[in-house]
C-alpha cells in the first residue's frame, strides 16, 4: 500500500509540473491548483511521511485531519473546473460563494468531529475502518462528498462526450468518467464497510470488495489525473512543436533579412535580436512573420536584389508558416 501511495503522489506531482507552463500563460490555473492540492494530499498518506509530519504537529494525528480537509478542498476545486467547463459564461459569483461556503462548512464539521473526539489519539487511526460511530460520522463527510461529486462529474462527462469530436478530448473524458465510477465505488465500499465495522466487531473487508477497494484507490486517481492532464499535455506538445519550427525558420531567415534590409533600415519595424535572443525570445512566430513581410517588401521595392535558390526556399517556407498562422487566427476570430 505504501508503494501505491508514493506512486500516486509522484503521478500527481508530475501532472502538476506539466500544467505549470499553461498556468503561467493564464490557462488551466484551477487544474494546476487542484493537482497541487491533491498531490500534497496523497503525499501525506504514506507512513514514512505521515509520522514525521505529525510529530512536527504535536503527535495528535492532526495530519489525518489535514488529509481529509485537503481532500474536500480538492473536491471543491474539481467542482470549479467542471462548472467552468460546462458553463458558457464561466463560474458565476453565486456559484463561487456557494462552493466556498459548502467547503468551509464541511471542513468546520470535520474539525468539530475530529478535535472533539478521543479516538483521534489512537495509534491505528490510519486504519481503513474504526468501529466507532463518531469516527464513521467524521470519515463519512469525505466519502459522501466524494460520492456526490463523482455522480455530478460523471453526468457532466457523459453529456460532454456526445458533443466532442477531438480524439484527445474523447479519451480524456473517458478516463475521467472511469475515475468517477471508481471514486463512487470507493466511497460506497468505504461507507458501507465503516457501518458494518461498527455493527459487527469481527467484520473484515475481504474478497472481491477488498480487491475492488484497492483497485479503485489505485486506478481512480491515476485515471483522473491522466484524463485531466491529457489535453493540457497534448496542447503543450503541439505548441512546443510549433514554437520549435518557428524558431528554426526565424534563425534561418535572419541572415537574409539582415542583408536585404541593411541598405533600407527605414523599411523595418522589427527589432534586432542577438543570436542568444533568437533562441530564447518569446513568440518567435511573430518575429518570423515580421521579417518575412519586410523581406517581401524589400524585394518588391528593389527588384534587382539577388536571392539564391536556398534563400527562396526559406522565404517560401516562411510564407507557408505565416499563411497558416493567419488562417488559424482568422478561424478563431470567426
C-alpha atoms as a PDB file:
ATOM      1  CA  UNK A   1       0.000   0.000   0.000  1.00  0.00           C
ATOM      2  CA  UNK A   2       2.836   2.406   0.794  1.00  0.00           C
ATOM      3  CA  UNK A   3       4.255   1.863  -2.697  1.00  0.00           C
ATOM      4  CA  UNK A   4       0.848   2.627  -4.199  1.00  0.00           C
ATOM      5  CA  UNK A   5       0.583   5.864  -2.231  1.00  0.00           C
ATOM      6  CA  UNK A   6       4.061   7.007  -3.210  1.00  0.00           C
ATOM      7  CA  UNK A   7       3.296   6.155  -6.849  1.00  0.00           C
ATOM      8  CA  UNK A   8       0.085   8.190  -6.781  1.00  0.00           C
ATOM      9  CA  UNK A   9       1.897  11.117  -5.183  1.00  0.00           C
ATOM     10  CA  UNK A  10       4.559  11.061  -7.893  1.00  0.00           C
ATOM     11  CA  UNK A  11       1.932  10.895 -10.656  1.00  0.00           C
ATOM     12  CA  UNK A  12       0.107  13.951  -9.320  1.00  0.00           C
ATOM     13  CA  UNK A  13       3.289  15.985  -8.804  1.00  0.00           C
ATOM     14  CA  UNK A  14       4.406  15.189 -12.364  1.00  0.00           C
ATOM     15  CA  UNK A  15       0.982  16.159 -13.721  1.00  0.00           C
ATOM     16  CA  UNK A  16       1.117  19.432 -11.780  1.00  0.00           C
ATOM     17  CA  UNK A  17       4.547  20.185 -13.219  1.00  0.00           C
ATOM     18  CA  UNK A  18       3.250  19.551 -16.746  1.00  0.00           C
ATOM     19  CA  UNK A  19       0.463  22.115 -16.191  1.00  0.00           C
ATOM     20  CA  UNK A  20       2.799  24.870 -14.954  1.00  0.00           C
ATOM     21  CA  UNK A  21       3.542  26.316 -18.454  1.00  0.00           C
ATOM     22  CA  UNK A  22      -0.192  26.574 -19.222  1.00  0.00           C
ATOM     23  CA  UNK A  23      -0.847  28.226 -15.858  1.00  0.00           C
ATOM     24  CA  UNK A  24       1.909  30.777 -16.495  1.00  0.00           C
ATOM     25  CA  UNK A  25       0.149  31.672 -19.754  1.00  0.00           C
ATOM     26  CA  UNK A  26      -3.084  32.171 -17.795  1.00  0.00           C
ATOM     27  CA  UNK A  27      -4.746  28.869 -18.708  1.00  0.00           C
ATOM     28  CA  UNK A  28      -5.764  25.875 -16.576  1.00  0.00           C
ATOM     29  CA  UNK A  29      -4.863  27.552 -13.283  1.00  0.00           C
ATOM     30  CA  UNK A  30      -7.707  25.804 -11.386  1.00  0.00           C
ATOM     31  CA  UNK A  31      -6.403  22.489 -12.764  1.00  0.00           C
ATOM     32  CA  UNK A  32      -2.881  23.258 -11.551  1.00  0.00           C
ATOM     33  CA  UNK A  33      -4.210  24.217  -8.132  1.00  0.00           C
ATOM     34  CA  UNK A  34      -6.270  21.014  -7.923  1.00  0.00           C
ATOM     35  CA  UNK A  35      -3.331  18.830  -8.945  1.00  0.00           C
ATOM     36  CA  UNK A  36      -1.074  20.545  -6.407  1.00  0.00           C
ATOM     37  CA  UNK A  37      -3.589  20.166  -3.569  1.00  0.00           C
ATOM     38  CA  UNK A  38      -4.299  16.537  -4.411  1.00  0.00           C
ATOM     39  CA  UNK A  39      -0.588  15.773  -4.808  1.00  0.00           C
ATOM     40  CA  UNK A  40       0.006  17.219  -1.349  1.00  0.00           C
ATOM     41  CA  UNK A  41      -2.934  15.178  -0.022  1.00  0.00           C
ATOM     42  CA  UNK A  42      -1.551  11.925  -1.404  1.00  0.00           C
ATOM     43  CA  UNK A  43       1.959  12.789  -0.195  1.00  0.00           C
ATOM     44  CA  UNK A  44       0.762  13.000   3.421  1.00  0.00           C
ATOM     45  CA  UNK A  45      -0.704   9.486   3.426  1.00  0.00           C
ATOM     46  CA  UNK A  46       2.360   7.153   3.361  1.00  0.00           C
ATOM     47  CA  UNK A  47       3.679   6.251   6.809  1.00  0.00           C
ATOM     48  CA  UNK A  48       7.253   7.491   6.148  1.00  0.00           C
ATOM     49  CA  UNK A  49       5.794  10.945   5.511  1.00  0.00           C
ATOM     50  CA  UNK A  50       2.791  10.847   7.846  1.00  0.00           C
ATOM     51  CA  UNK A  51       4.701  10.091  11.054  1.00  0.00           C
ATOM     52  CA  UNK A  52       7.432  12.781  10.785  1.00  0.00           C
ATOM     53  CA  UNK A  53       4.909  15.435   9.733  1.00  0.00           C
ATOM     54  CA  UNK A  54       2.579  14.503  12.577  1.00  0.00           C
ATOM     55  CA  UNK A  55       5.461  14.636  15.029  1.00  0.00           C
ATOM     56  CA  UNK A  56       6.116  18.216  13.951  1.00  0.00           C
ATOM     57  CA  UNK A  57       2.430  18.988  14.602  1.00  0.00           C
ATOM     58  CA  UNK A  58       2.459  17.554  18.129  1.00  0.00           C
ATOM     59  CA  UNK A  59       1.669  13.836  17.553  1.00  0.00           C
ATOM     60  CA  UNK A  60      -2.079  14.403  17.739  1.00  0.00           C
ATOM     61  CA  UNK A  61      -2.862  12.858  14.335  1.00  0.00           C
ATOM     62  CA  UNK A  62      -3.527  16.377  13.065  1.00  0.00           C
ATOM     63  CA  UNK A  63      -2.044  15.221   9.760  1.00  0.00           C
ATOM     64  CA  UNK A  64      -5.019  12.884   9.402  1.00  0.00           C
ATOM     65  CA  UNK A  65      -7.387  15.843   9.729  1.00  0.00           C
ATOM     66  CA  UNK A  66      -5.327  17.879   7.235  1.00  0.00           C
ATOM     67  CA  UNK A  67      -5.534  14.986   4.777  1.00  0.00           C
ATOM     68  CA  UNK A  68      -9.334  14.954   4.916  1.00  0.00           C
ATOM     69  CA  UNK A  69      -9.592  18.751   4.765  1.00  0.00           C
ATOM     70  CA  UNK A  70      -7.326  18.859   1.705  1.00  0.00           C
ATOM     71  CA  UNK A  71      -9.470  16.174   0.080  1.00  0.00           C
ATOM     72  CA  UNK A  72     -12.544  18.367   0.498  1.00  0.00           C
ATOM     73  CA  UNK A  73     -10.660  21.354  -0.940  1.00  0.00           C
ATOM     74  CA  UNK A  74      -9.582  19.217  -3.918  1.00  0.00           C
ATOM     75  CA  UNK A  75     -13.203  18.163  -4.486  1.00  0.00           C
ATOM     76  CA  UNK A  76     -14.259  21.828  -4.418  1.00  0.00           C
ATOM     77  CA  UNK A  77     -11.568  22.712  -6.957  1.00  0.00           C
ATOM     78  CA  UNK A  78     -12.773  19.919  -9.223  1.00  0.00           C
ATOM     79  CA  UNK A  79     -16.264  21.346  -8.921  1.00  0.00           C
ATOM     80  CA  UNK A  80     -14.897  24.711 -10.068  1.00  0.00           C
ATOM     81  CA  UNK A  81     -13.231  23.049 -13.067  1.00  0.00           C
ATOM     82  CA  UNK A  82     -16.438  21.243 -14.034  1.00  0.00           C
ATOM     83  CA  UNK A  83     -18.622  24.346 -13.689  1.00  0.00           C
ATOM     84  CA  UNK A  84     -16.220  26.463 -15.735  1.00  0.00           C
ATOM     85  CA  UNK A  85     -16.107  23.804 -18.438  1.00  0.00           C
ATOM     86  CA  UNK A  86     -19.873  23.337 -18.582  1.00  0.00           C
ATOM     87  CA  UNK A  87     -20.958  26.973 -18.287  1.00  0.00           C
ATOM     88  CA  UNK A  88     -20.581  29.213 -21.380  1.00  0.00           C
ATOM     89  CA  UNK A  89     -20.033  32.253 -19.133  1.00  0.00           C
ATOM     90  CA  UNK A  90     -17.759  30.519 -16.679  1.00  0.00           C
ATOM     91  CA  UNK A  91     -18.231  30.226 -12.946  1.00  0.00           C
ATOM     92  CA  UNK A  92     -20.708  32.752 -11.559  1.00  0.00           C
ATOM     93  CA  UNK A  93     -20.096  34.647  -8.327  1.00  0.00           C
ATOM     94  CA  UNK A  94     -23.079  32.938  -6.741  1.00  0.00           C
ATOM     95  CA  UNK A  95     -21.645  29.538  -7.562  1.00  0.00           C
ATOM     96  CA  UNK A  96     -18.237  30.602  -6.263  1.00  0.00           C
ATOM     97  CA  UNK A  97     -19.726  31.718  -2.942  1.00  0.00           C
ATOM     98  CA  UNK A  98     -21.769  28.537  -2.671  1.00  0.00           C
ATOM     99  CA  UNK A  99     -18.703  26.375  -3.325  1.00  0.00           C
ATOM    100  CA  UNK A 100     -16.635  28.257  -0.735  1.00  0.00           C
ATOM    101  CA  UNK A 101     -19.422  28.134   1.874  1.00  0.00           C
ATOM    102  CA  UNK A 102     -20.147  24.422   1.419  1.00  0.00           C
ATOM    103  CA  UNK A 103     -16.433  23.579   1.507  1.00  0.00           C
ATOM    104  CA  UNK A 104     -15.909  25.646   4.649  1.00  0.00           C
ATOM    105  CA  UNK A 105     -18.987  24.112   6.317  1.00  0.00           C
ATOM    106  CA  UNK A 106     -17.772  20.560   5.682  1.00  0.00           C
ATOM    107  CA  UNK A 107     -14.274  21.337   6.984  1.00  0.00           C
ATOM    108  CA  UNK A 108     -15.725  23.017  10.102  1.00  0.00           C
ATOM    109  CA  UNK A 109     -17.926  19.960  10.716  1.00  0.00           C
ATOM    110  CA  UNK A 110     -14.877  17.735  10.315  1.00  0.00           C
ATOM    111  CA  UNK A 111     -12.903  19.878  12.754  1.00  0.00           C
ATOM    112  CA  UNK A 112     -15.653  19.642  15.399  1.00  0.00           C
ATOM    113  CA  UNK A 113     -15.922  15.870  14.989  1.00  0.00           C
ATOM    114  CA  UNK A 114     -12.157  15.365  14.935  1.00  0.00           C
ATOM    115  CA  UNK A 115     -10.894  17.633  17.710  1.00  0.00           C
ATOM    116  CA  UNK A 116     -13.896  16.862  19.904  1.00  0.00           C
ATOM    117  CA  UNK A 117     -13.122  13.136  19.933  1.00  0.00           C
ATOM    118  CA  UNK A 118     -10.782  10.859  21.819  1.00  0.00           C
ATOM    119  CA  UNK A 119     -10.300   8.322  19.021  1.00  0.00           C
ATOM    120  CA  UNK A 120      -8.016  10.761  17.198  1.00  0.00           C
ATOM    121  CA  UNK A 121      -5.245   9.937  19.692  1.00  0.00           C
ATOM    122  CA  UNK A 122      -5.194   6.232  18.847  1.00  0.00           C
ATOM    123  CA  UNK A 123      -2.220   4.737  17.013  1.00  0.00           C
ATOM    124  CA  UNK A 124      -4.340   2.930  14.417  1.00  0.00           C
ATOM    125  CA  UNK A 125      -6.212   5.983  13.212  1.00  0.00           C
ATOM    126  CA  UNK A 126      -4.945   5.338   9.703  1.00  0.00           C
ATOM    127  CA  UNK A 127      -6.790   2.009   9.661  1.00  0.00           C
ATOM    128  CA  UNK A 128      -9.440   1.823   6.969  1.00  0.00           C
ATOM    129  CA  UNK A 129     -12.410   1.489   9.321  1.00  0.00           C
ATOM    130  CA  UNK A 130     -12.585   2.119  13.044  1.00  0.00           C
ATOM    131  CA  UNK A 131     -15.542   0.501  14.876  1.00  0.00           C
ATOM    132  CA  UNK A 132     -16.937   3.757  16.296  1.00  0.00           C
ATOM    133  CA  UNK A 133     -19.903   5.833  15.214  1.00  0.00           C
ATOM    134  CA  UNK A 134     -18.177   9.181  15.779  1.00  0.00           C
ATOM    135  CA  UNK A 135     -15.285   8.107  13.573  1.00  0.00           C
ATOM    136  CA  UNK A 136     -17.727   6.882  10.926  1.00  0.00           C
ATOM    137  CA  UNK A 137     -19.551  10.209  11.012  1.00  0.00           C
ATOM    138  CA  UNK A 138     -16.265  12.065  10.599  1.00  0.00           C
ATOM    139  CA  UNK A 139     -14.981   9.962   7.700  1.00  0.00           C
ATOM    140  CA  UNK A 140     -18.422   9.891   6.068  1.00  0.00           C
ATOM    141  CA  UNK A 141     -18.222  13.649   5.437  1.00  0.00           C
ATOM    142  CA  UNK A 142     -15.400  12.967   2.972  1.00  0.00           C
ATOM    143  CA  UNK A 143     -16.844   9.786   1.474  1.00  0.00           C
ATOM    144  CA  UNK A 144     -20.273  11.306   0.871  1.00  0.00           C
ATOM    145  CA  UNK A 145     -18.750  14.420  -0.697  1.00  0.00           C
ATOM    146  CA  UNK A 146     -16.642  12.209  -2.950  1.00  0.00           C
ATOM    147  CA  UNK A 147     -19.643  10.130  -3.984  1.00  0.00           C
ATOM    148  CA  UNK A 148     -21.876  13.121  -4.734  1.00  0.00           C
ATOM    149  CA  UNK A 149     -19.220  14.823  -6.776  1.00  0.00           C
ATOM    150  CA  UNK A 150     -18.391  11.599  -8.648  1.00  0.00           C
ATOM    151  CA  UNK A 151     -22.015  11.337  -9.797  1.00  0.00           C
ATOM    152  CA  UNK A 152     -22.134  15.017 -10.762  1.00  0.00           C
ATOM    153  CA  UNK A 153     -18.834  14.887 -12.612  1.00  0.00           C
ATOM    154  CA  UNK A 154     -19.741  11.635 -14.389  1.00  0.00           C
ATOM    155  CA  UNK A 155     -23.026  13.150 -15.578  1.00  0.00           C
ATOM    156  CA  UNK A 156     -21.175  16.157 -16.976  1.00  0.00           C
ATOM    157  CA  UNK A 157     -18.657  13.883 -18.740  1.00  0.00           C
ATOM    158  CA  UNK A 158     -21.392  11.787 -20.366  1.00  0.00           C
ATOM    159  CA  UNK A 159     -23.130  14.935 -21.623  1.00  0.00           C
ATOM    160  CA  UNK A 160     -19.873  16.343 -22.981  1.00  0.00           C
ATOM    161  CA  UNK A 161     -18.868  13.087 -24.684  1.00  0.00           C
ATOM    162  CA  UNK A 162     -21.819  13.485 -27.040  1.00  0.00           C
ATOM    163  CA  UNK A 163     -20.617  16.896 -28.214  1.00  0.00           C
ATOM    164  CA  UNK A 164     -16.890  16.311 -28.572  1.00  0.00           C
ATOM    165  CA  UNK A 165     -15.156  15.205 -31.777  1.00  0.00           C
ATOM    166  CA  UNK A 166     -11.483  15.691 -30.910  1.00  0.00           C
ATOM    167  CA  UNK A 167      -9.912  12.266 -30.185  1.00  0.00           C
ATOM    168  CA  UNK A 168      -7.707  13.558 -27.350  1.00  0.00           C
ATOM    169  CA  UNK A 169     -10.714  15.131 -25.634  1.00  0.00           C
ATOM    170  CA  UNK A 170     -12.772  11.963 -26.025  1.00  0.00           C
ATOM    171  CA  UNK A 171     -10.008   9.902 -24.434  1.00  0.00           C
ATOM    172  CA  UNK A 172      -9.651  12.453 -21.626  1.00  0.00           C
ATOM    173  CA  UNK A 173     -13.368  12.415 -20.860  1.00  0.00           C
ATOM    174  CA  UNK A 174     -13.463   8.609 -20.939  1.00  0.00           C
ATOM    175  CA  UNK A 175     -10.623   8.382 -18.423  1.00  0.00           C
ATOM    176  CA  UNK A 176     -12.265  10.945 -16.148  1.00  0.00           C
ATOM    177  CA  UNK A 177     -15.563   9.046 -16.385  1.00  0.00           C
ATOM    178  CA  UNK A 178     -13.746   5.834 -15.419  1.00  0.00           C
ATOM    179  CA  UNK A 179     -12.202   7.669 -12.474  1.00  0.00           C
ATOM    180  CA  UNK A 180     -15.616   8.899 -11.360  1.00  0.00           C
ATOM    181  CA  UNK A 181     -17.004   5.365 -11.368  1.00  0.00           C
ATOM    182  CA  UNK A 182     -14.005   4.226  -9.330  1.00  0.00           C
ATOM    183  CA  UNK A 183     -14.401   7.070  -6.818  1.00  0.00           C
ATOM    184  CA  UNK A 184     -18.099   6.288  -6.445  1.00  0.00           C
ATOM    185  CA  UNK A 185     -17.317   2.615  -5.838  1.00  0.00           C
ATOM    186  CA  UNK A 186     -14.597   3.529  -3.330  1.00  0.00           C
ATOM    187  CA  UNK A 187     -16.958   5.856  -1.451  1.00  0.00           C
ATOM    188  CA  UNK A 188     -19.776   3.278  -1.309  1.00  0.00           C
ATOM    189  CA  UNK A 189     -17.494   0.463  -0.166  1.00  0.00           C
ATOM    190  CA  UNK A 190     -15.825   2.694   2.441  1.00  0.00           C
ATOM    191  CA  UNK A 191     -19.078   3.969   3.919  1.00  0.00           C
ATOM    192  CA  UNK A 192     -20.701   0.528   3.932  1.00  0.00           C
ATOM    193  CA  UNK A 193     -17.649  -1.108   5.492  1.00  0.00           C
ATOM    194  CA  UNK A 194     -17.396   1.582   8.187  1.00  0.00           C
ATOM    195  CA  UNK A 195     -21.020   0.988   9.196  1.00  0.00           C
ATOM    196  CA  UNK A 196     -20.546  -2.808   9.186  1.00  0.00           C
ATOM    197  CA  UNK A 197     -17.391  -2.430  11.290  1.00  0.00           C
ATOM    198  CA  UNK A 198     -19.463  -0.671  13.947  1.00  0.00           C
ATOM    199  CA  UNK A 199     -22.323  -3.168  13.830  1.00  0.00           C
ATOM    200  CA  UNK A 200     -20.157  -6.291  13.686  1.00  0.00           C
ATOM    201  CA  UNK A 201     -16.872  -6.198  15.695  1.00  0.00           C
ATOM    202  CA  UNK A 202     -15.407  -9.108  13.718  1.00  0.00           C
ATOM    203  CA  UNK A 203     -16.066  -7.503  10.341  1.00  0.00           C
ATOM    204  CA  UNK A 204     -13.192  -7.649   7.825  1.00  0.00           C
ATOM    205  CA  UNK A 205     -13.108  -6.221   4.332  1.00  0.00           C
ATOM    206  CA  UNK A 206     -12.027  -9.224   2.263  1.00  0.00           C
ATOM    207  CA  UNK A 207     -12.655 -10.897  -1.070  1.00  0.00           C
ATOM    208  CA  UNK A 208     -13.939  -9.031  -4.096  1.00  0.00           C
ATOM    209  CA  UNK A 209     -14.842  -5.995  -2.012  1.00  0.00           C
ATOM    210  CA  UNK A 210     -11.233  -5.579  -0.820  1.00  0.00           C
ATOM    211  CA  UNK A 211      -9.947  -6.106  -4.371  1.00  0.00           C
ATOM    212  CA  UNK A 212     -12.373  -3.526  -5.742  1.00  0.00           C
ATOM    213  CA  UNK A 213     -11.465  -1.138  -2.918  1.00  0.00           C
ATOM    214  CA  UNK A 214      -7.722  -1.388  -3.649  1.00  0.00           C
ATOM    215  CA  UNK A 215      -8.182  -1.109  -7.412  1.00  0.00           C
ATOM    216  CA  UNK A 216     -10.376   1.971  -7.008  1.00  0.00           C
ATOM    217  CA  UNK A 217      -7.841   3.553  -4.666  1.00  0.00           C
ATOM    218  CA  UNK A 218      -5.072   2.958  -7.200  1.00  0.00           C
ATOM    219  CA  UNK A 219      -6.698   3.413 -10.592  1.00  0.00           C
ATOM    220  CA  UNK A 220      -9.181   6.215  -9.905  1.00  0.00           C
ATOM    221  CA  UNK A 221      -6.615   8.916  -9.053  1.00  0.00           C
ATOM    222  CA  UNK A 222      -4.377   7.848 -11.932  1.00  0.00           C
ATOM    223  CA  UNK A 223      -7.287   7.869 -14.410  1.00  0.00           C
ATOM    224  CA  UNK A 224      -8.389  11.238 -13.077  1.00  0.00           C
ATOM    225  CA  UNK A 225      -5.005  12.915 -13.302  1.00  0.00           C
ATOM    226  CA  UNK A 226      -4.224  11.452 -16.724  1.00  0.00           C
ATOM    227  CA  UNK A 227      -7.663  12.388 -18.022  1.00  0.00           C
ATOM    228  CA  UNK A 228      -7.489  15.951 -16.708  1.00  0.00           C
ATOM    229  CA  UNK A 229      -3.908  16.458 -17.851  1.00  0.00           C
ATOM    230  CA  UNK A 230      -4.047  14.738 -21.234  1.00  0.00           C
ATOM    231  CA  UNK A 231      -5.478  17.699 -23.173  1.00  0.00           C
ATOM    232  CA  UNK A 232      -3.063  20.100 -21.482  1.00  0.00           C
ATOM    233  CA  UNK A 233      -0.152  17.816 -22.344  1.00  0.00           C
ATOM    234  CA  UNK A 234      -1.276  17.402 -25.955  1.00  0.00           C
ATOM    235  CA  UNK A 235      -1.763  21.153 -26.354  1.00  0.00           C
ATOM    236  CA  UNK A 236       1.603  21.810 -24.732  1.00  0.00           C
ATOM    237  CA  UNK A 237       3.403  19.394 -27.040  1.00  0.00           C
ATOM    238  CA  UNK A 238       1.654  20.884 -30.080  1.00  0.00           C
ATOM    239  CA  UNK A 239       2.581  24.416 -29.014  1.00  0.00           C
ATOM    240  CA  UNK A 240       6.161  23.357 -28.297  1.00  0.00           C
ATOM    241  CA  UNK A 241       6.482  21.744 -31.729  1.00  0.00           C
ATOM    242  CA  UNK A 242       5.066  24.820 -33.485  1.00  0.00           C
ATOM    243  CA  UNK A 243       7.308  27.081 -31.428  1.00  0.00           C
ATOM    244  CA  UNK A 244      10.356  24.997 -32.351  1.00  0.00           C
ATOM    245  CA  UNK A 245       9.578  25.104 -36.088  1.00  0.00           C
ATOM    246  CA  UNK A 246       9.017  28.869 -35.940  1.00  0.00           C
ATOM    247  CA  UNK A 247      12.316  29.334 -34.121  1.00  0.00           C
ATOM    248  CA  UNK A 248      14.259  27.240 -36.658  1.00  0.00           C
ATOM    249  CA  UNK A 249      12.816  29.257 -39.557  1.00  0.00           C
ATOM    250  CA  UNK A 250      13.469  32.519 -37.708  1.00  0.00           C
ATOM    251  CA  UNK A 251      17.111  31.521 -37.280  1.00  0.00           C
ATOM    252  CA  UNK A 252      17.398  30.564 -40.958  1.00  0.00           C
ATOM    253  CA  UNK A 253      15.710  33.658 -42.393  1.00  0.00           C
ATOM    254  CA  UNK A 254      17.515  36.203 -40.197  1.00  0.00           C
ATOM    255  CA  UNK A 255      20.767  36.417 -42.274  1.00  0.00           C
ATOM    256  CA  UNK A 256      18.721  37.132 -45.425  1.00  0.00           C
ATOM    257  CA  UNK A 257      16.616  39.727 -43.575  1.00  0.00           C
ATOM    258  CA  UNK A 258      19.758  41.440 -42.283  1.00  0.00           C
ATOM    259  CA  UNK A 259      21.341  41.556 -45.754  1.00  0.00           C
ATOM    260  CA  UNK A 260      18.293  42.854 -47.628  1.00  0.00           C
ATOM    261  CA  UNK A 261      17.371  45.457 -45.014  1.00  0.00           C
ATOM    262  CA  UNK A 262      20.925  46.689 -44.409  1.00  0.00           C
ATOM    263  CA  UNK A 263      20.601  49.445 -47.048  1.00  0.00           C
ATOM    264  CA  UNK A 264      16.934  50.182 -46.275  1.00  0.00           C
ATOM    265  CA  UNK A 265      16.578  50.248 -42.485  1.00  0.00           C
ATOM    266  CA  UNK A 266      13.578  52.571 -42.836  1.00  0.00           C
ATOM    267  CA  UNK A 267      11.554  49.612 -44.165  1.00  0.00           C
ATOM    268  CA  UNK A 268      11.933  47.704 -40.923  1.00  0.00           C
ATOM    269  CA  UNK A 269       9.948  47.992 -37.714  1.00  0.00           C
ATOM    270  CA  UNK A 270      11.305  44.690 -36.421  1.00  0.00           C
ATOM    271  CA  UNK A 271      13.816  44.935 -33.613  1.00  0.00           C
ATOM    272  CA  UNK A 272      17.201  43.305 -33.914  1.00  0.00           C
ATOM    273  CA  UNK A 273      17.816  40.156 -31.929  1.00  0.00           C
ATOM    274  CA  UNK A 274      21.131  38.726 -30.851  1.00  0.00           C
ATOM    275  CA  UNK A 275      21.898  35.041 -31.558  1.00  0.00           C
ATOM    276  CA  UNK A 276      21.039  34.251 -27.942  1.00  0.00           C
ATOM    277  CA  UNK A 277      17.745  36.125 -28.205  1.00  0.00           C
ATOM    278  CA  UNK A 278      16.858  34.197 -31.339  1.00  0.00           C
ATOM    279  CA  UNK A 279      16.980  31.044 -29.212  1.00  0.00           C
ATOM    280  CA  UNK A 280      15.113  32.453 -26.203  1.00  0.00           C
ATOM    281  CA  UNK A 281      12.731  35.170 -27.453  1.00  0.00           C
ATOM    282  CA  UNK A 282       9.064  34.586 -26.713  1.00  0.00           C
ATOM    283  CA  UNK A 283       6.621  34.227 -29.621  1.00  0.00           C
ATOM    284  CA  UNK A 284       9.196  33.532 -32.357  1.00  0.00           C
ATOM    285  CA  UNK A 285       6.339  33.238 -34.848  1.00  0.00           C
ATOM    286  CA  UNK A 286       5.629  36.968 -34.509  1.00  0.00           C
ATOM    287  CA  UNK A 287       9.221  37.868 -35.388  1.00  0.00           C
ATOM    288  CA  UNK A 288       9.205  35.349 -38.220  1.00  0.00           C
ATOM    289  CA  UNK A 289       6.096  36.975 -39.662  1.00  0.00           C
ATOM    290  CA  UNK A 290       7.545  40.495 -39.460  1.00  0.00           C
ATOM    291  CA  UNK A 291      10.842  39.526 -41.050  1.00  0.00           C
ATOM    292  CA  UNK A 292       9.119  37.635 -43.836  1.00  0.00           C
ATOM    293  CA  UNK A 293       6.908  40.645 -44.641  1.00  0.00           C
ATOM    294  CA  UNK A 294       9.849  43.029 -44.597  1.00  0.00           C
ATOM    295  CA  UNK A 295      11.839  40.732 -46.905  1.00  0.00           C
ATOM    296  CA  UNK A 296       8.928  40.664 -49.362  1.00  0.00           C
ATOM    297  CA  UNK A 297       8.617  44.462 -49.201  1.00  0.00           C
ATOM    298  CA  UNK A 298      12.327  44.895 -49.814  1.00  0.00           C
ATOM    299  CA  UNK A 299      12.273  42.572 -52.816  1.00  0.00           C
ATOM    300  CA  UNK A 300       9.219  44.355 -54.198  1.00  0.00           C
ATOM    301  CA  UNK A 301      10.778  47.813 -53.875  1.00  0.00           C
ATOM    302  CA  UNK A 302      14.232  46.750 -55.031  1.00  0.00           C
ATOM    303  CA  UNK A 303      13.704  44.047 -57.631  1.00  0.00           C
ATOM    304  CA  UNK A 304      17.372  43.943 -58.537  1.00  0.00           C
ATOM    305  CA  UNK A 305      18.444  42.313 -55.307  1.00  0.00           C
ATOM    306  CA  UNK A 306      19.825  38.804 -55.722  1.00  0.00           C
ATOM    307  CA  UNK A 307      18.381  35.889 -53.819  1.00  0.00           C
ATOM    308  CA  UNK A 308      19.791  32.361 -54.014  1.00  0.00           C
ATOM    309  CA  UNK A 309      17.688  29.266 -54.608  1.00  0.00           C
ATOM    310  CA  UNK A 310      18.187  28.153 -50.997  1.00  0.00           C
ATOM    311  CA  UNK A 311      17.039  31.564 -49.768  1.00  0.00           C
ATOM    312  CA  UNK A 312      13.937  31.365 -51.964  1.00  0.00           C
ATOM    313  CA  UNK A 313      13.111  28.020 -50.368  1.00  0.00           C
ATOM    314  CA  UNK A 314      13.390  29.598 -46.912  1.00  0.00           C
ATOM    315  CA  UNK A 315      11.154  32.504 -47.970  1.00  0.00           C
ATOM    316  CA  UNK A 316       8.548  30.094 -49.323  1.00  0.00           C
ATOM    317  CA  UNK A 317       8.638  28.038 -46.133  1.00  0.00           C
ATOM    318  CA  UNK A 318       8.261  31.178 -44.023  1.00  0.00           C
ATOM    319  CA  UNK A 319       5.334  32.279 -46.182  1.00  0.00           C
ATOM    320  CA  UNK A 320       3.639  28.914 -45.752  1.00  0.00           C
ATOM    321  CA  UNK A 321       4.100  29.187 -41.977  1.00  0.00           C
ATOM    322  CA  UNK A 322       2.781  32.747 -41.772  1.00  0.00           C
ATOM    323  CA  UNK A 323      -0.183  31.985 -44.030  1.00  0.00           C
ATOM    324  CA  UNK A 324      -1.089  29.001 -41.860  1.00  0.00           C
ATOM    325  CA  UNK A 325      -0.873  31.233 -38.786  1.00  0.00           C
ATOM    326  CA  UNK A 326      -3.078  33.902 -40.407  1.00  0.00           C
ATOM    327  CA  UNK A 327      -5.643  31.285 -41.445  1.00  0.00           C
ATOM    328  CA  UNK A 328      -5.719  29.847 -37.925  1.00  0.00           C
ATOM    329  CA  UNK A 329      -6.207  33.273 -36.335  1.00  0.00           C
ATOM    330  CA  UNK A 330      -8.966  34.110 -38.798  1.00  0.00           C
ATOM    331  CA  UNK A 331     -10.734  30.875 -37.961  1.00  0.00           C
ATOM    332  CA  UNK A 332     -10.504  31.635 -34.236  1.00  0.00           C
ATOM    333  CA  UNK A 333     -11.837  35.166 -34.804  1.00  0.00           C
ATOM    334  CA  UNK A 334     -14.899  33.804 -36.577  1.00  0.00           C
END
